[in-house]
N, C-alpha and C. Protein backbone atom coordinates (compact mmCIF):
# COMPACT_ATOMS: atom_id res chain seq x y z
N UNK A 1 54.07 -7.14 -79.47
CA UNK A 1 53.28 -8.20 -78.78
C UNK A 1 53.55 -9.61 -79.41
N UNK A 2 53.65 -10.56 -78.67
CA UNK A 2 53.85 -12.02 -79.12
C UNK A 2 52.43 -12.53 -79.90
N UNK A 3 52.84 -13.00 -81.08
CA UNK A 3 51.48 -13.57 -81.72
C UNK A 3 51.10 -14.80 -81.35
N UNK A 4 51.84 -15.35 -80.26
CA UNK A 4 51.75 -16.83 -79.75
C UNK A 4 51.00 -16.66 -78.38
N UNK A 5 51.57 -16.08 -77.53
CA UNK A 5 51.00 -15.89 -76.16
C UNK A 5 50.50 -14.54 -75.73
N UNK A 6 50.72 -13.59 -76.51
CA UNK A 6 50.34 -12.17 -76.14
C UNK A 6 51.32 -11.46 -75.20
N UNK A 7 52.50 -11.97 -74.75
CA UNK A 7 53.36 -11.30 -74.04
C UNK A 7 53.82 -9.95 -74.81
N UNK A 8 53.90 -8.97 -74.00
CA UNK A 8 54.54 -7.56 -74.47
C UNK A 8 55.78 -7.20 -73.89
N UNK A 9 56.48 -6.83 -75.15
CA UNK A 9 57.88 -6.61 -74.71
C UNK A 9 58.24 -5.32 -73.89
N UNK A 10 59.17 -5.48 -73.06
CA UNK A 10 59.49 -4.22 -72.01
C UNK A 10 60.81 -4.06 -72.27
N UNK A 11 61.21 -2.63 -72.06
CA UNK A 11 62.58 -2.02 -72.35
C UNK A 11 63.09 -2.12 -73.59
N UNK A 12 64.20 -2.25 -74.04
CA UNK A 12 64.80 -2.00 -75.33
C UNK A 12 64.25 -3.09 -76.43
N UNK A 13 64.47 -2.83 -77.53
CA UNK A 13 64.10 -3.70 -78.74
C UNK A 13 64.34 -5.20 -78.40
N UNK A 14 63.38 -5.93 -78.36
CA UNK A 14 63.62 -7.50 -78.01
C UNK A 14 64.27 -8.11 -79.24
N UNK A 15 64.89 -9.39 -78.89
CA UNK A 15 65.28 -10.20 -79.87
C UNK A 15 64.41 -11.37 -80.16
N UNK A 16 63.16 -11.14 -80.57
CA UNK A 16 62.29 -12.14 -80.97
C UNK A 16 62.25 -12.56 -82.10
N UNK A 17 61.66 -13.61 -82.51
CA UNK A 17 61.72 -14.46 -83.89
C UNK A 17 60.50 -13.80 -84.45
N UNK A 18 60.67 -13.64 -85.93
CA UNK A 18 59.61 -13.18 -86.64
C UNK A 18 59.35 -13.90 -87.77
N UNK A 19 58.01 -14.01 -88.32
CA UNK A 19 57.74 -14.85 -89.07
C UNK A 19 56.74 -14.24 -90.14
N UNK A 20 56.88 -14.32 -91.56
CA UNK A 20 55.74 -13.61 -92.27
C UNK A 20 54.94 -14.69 -92.74
N UNK A 21 53.64 -14.41 -92.60
CA UNK A 21 52.59 -15.40 -92.73
C UNK A 21 51.67 -14.59 -93.38
N UNK A 22 51.16 -15.06 -94.83
CA UNK A 22 50.10 -14.33 -95.69
C UNK A 22 50.46 -12.70 -95.86
N UNK A 23 51.87 -12.45 -95.97
CA UNK A 23 52.07 -11.11 -96.11
C UNK A 23 52.31 -10.25 -94.76
N UNK A 24 51.73 -10.77 -93.56
CA UNK A 24 51.88 -10.24 -92.56
C UNK A 24 53.12 -10.53 -91.67
N UNK A 25 53.58 -9.70 -90.83
CA UNK A 25 54.88 -10.00 -89.83
C UNK A 25 54.19 -10.49 -88.62
N UNK A 26 54.50 -11.59 -88.01
CA UNK A 26 54.19 -12.02 -86.70
C UNK A 26 55.46 -12.21 -85.79
N UNK A 27 55.34 -11.57 -84.73
CA UNK A 27 56.73 -11.63 -83.72
C UNK A 27 56.30 -12.81 -82.92
N UNK A 28 57.40 -13.69 -82.27
CA UNK A 28 57.20 -14.56 -81.25
C UNK A 28 58.12 -14.23 -80.02
N UNK A 29 57.70 -14.34 -78.94
CA UNK A 29 58.72 -14.22 -77.79
C UNK A 29 59.74 -15.25 -77.75
N UNK A 30 60.82 -15.11 -76.89
CA UNK A 30 61.64 -16.33 -76.85
C UNK A 30 61.08 -17.84 -76.35
N UNK A 31 60.21 -17.63 -75.32
CA UNK A 31 59.42 -18.75 -74.83
C UNK A 31 58.67 -19.61 -75.93
N UNK A 32 57.75 -18.83 -76.82
CA UNK A 32 57.12 -19.38 -77.97
C UNK A 32 57.88 -19.92 -78.81
N UNK A 33 59.21 -19.20 -79.09
CA UNK A 33 60.18 -19.63 -80.20
C UNK A 33 60.62 -20.96 -79.91
N UNK A 34 61.09 -20.97 -78.50
CA UNK A 34 61.69 -22.12 -78.12
C UNK A 34 60.65 -23.54 -78.06
N UNK A 35 59.59 -23.33 -77.76
CA UNK A 35 58.64 -24.37 -77.93
C UNK A 35 58.29 -24.76 -79.04
N UNK A 36 58.54 -23.86 -80.04
CA UNK A 36 57.87 -24.50 -81.45
C UNK A 36 59.14 -24.24 -82.40
N UNK A 37 60.32 -24.50 -82.20
CA UNK A 37 61.43 -24.21 -83.05
C UNK A 37 61.33 -25.13 -84.01
N UNK A 38 60.86 -26.26 -84.04
CA UNK A 38 61.20 -27.35 -85.47
C UNK A 38 59.95 -26.75 -86.26
N UNK A 39 58.81 -26.24 -85.84
CA UNK A 39 57.64 -25.94 -86.87
C UNK A 39 58.20 -24.50 -87.45
N UNK A 40 58.84 -23.79 -86.73
CA UNK A 40 59.47 -22.39 -87.21
C UNK A 40 60.43 -22.76 -88.41
N UNK A 41 61.24 -23.78 -88.07
CA UNK A 41 62.46 -24.23 -88.96
C UNK A 41 61.77 -24.67 -90.19
N UNK A 42 60.85 -25.34 -90.17
CA UNK A 42 59.82 -26.08 -91.13
C UNK A 42 59.11 -25.09 -91.81
N UNK A 43 59.06 -23.66 -91.65
CA UNK A 43 58.18 -22.76 -92.17
C UNK A 43 56.64 -23.00 -91.99
N UNK A 44 56.30 -23.68 -90.99
CA UNK A 44 54.82 -24.18 -90.93
C UNK A 44 54.19 -22.81 -90.19
N UNK A 45 52.96 -22.47 -90.82
CA UNK A 45 52.40 -21.24 -90.17
C UNK A 45 52.05 -21.45 -88.74
N UNK A 46 51.98 -20.50 -88.06
CA UNK A 46 51.71 -20.34 -86.66
C UNK A 46 50.21 -21.07 -86.29
N UNK A 47 49.33 -21.06 -87.31
CA UNK A 47 48.09 -21.71 -86.97
C UNK A 47 48.10 -23.33 -86.90
N UNK A 48 49.28 -23.69 -87.53
CA UNK A 48 49.33 -25.15 -87.80
C UNK A 48 49.82 -25.62 -86.20
N UNK A 49 50.76 -24.79 -85.63
CA UNK A 49 51.27 -25.25 -83.97
C UNK A 49 50.68 -24.58 -83.22
C-alpha cells in the first residue's frame, strides 16, 4: 500500500519507490513518486512533503 495516497498494488509486484524512514520501509506509488521526486532525491522524510 502506498504510504502517500493509500493506493493498493494490483497484479504482479509493482515497481514502486521505497524509502526507509526511522527504520521503517515506506512504499510510494508511481504518482506520488513523480509528484515528490525532488524531496525523495533530497532524502527528506515523507512527513516533510
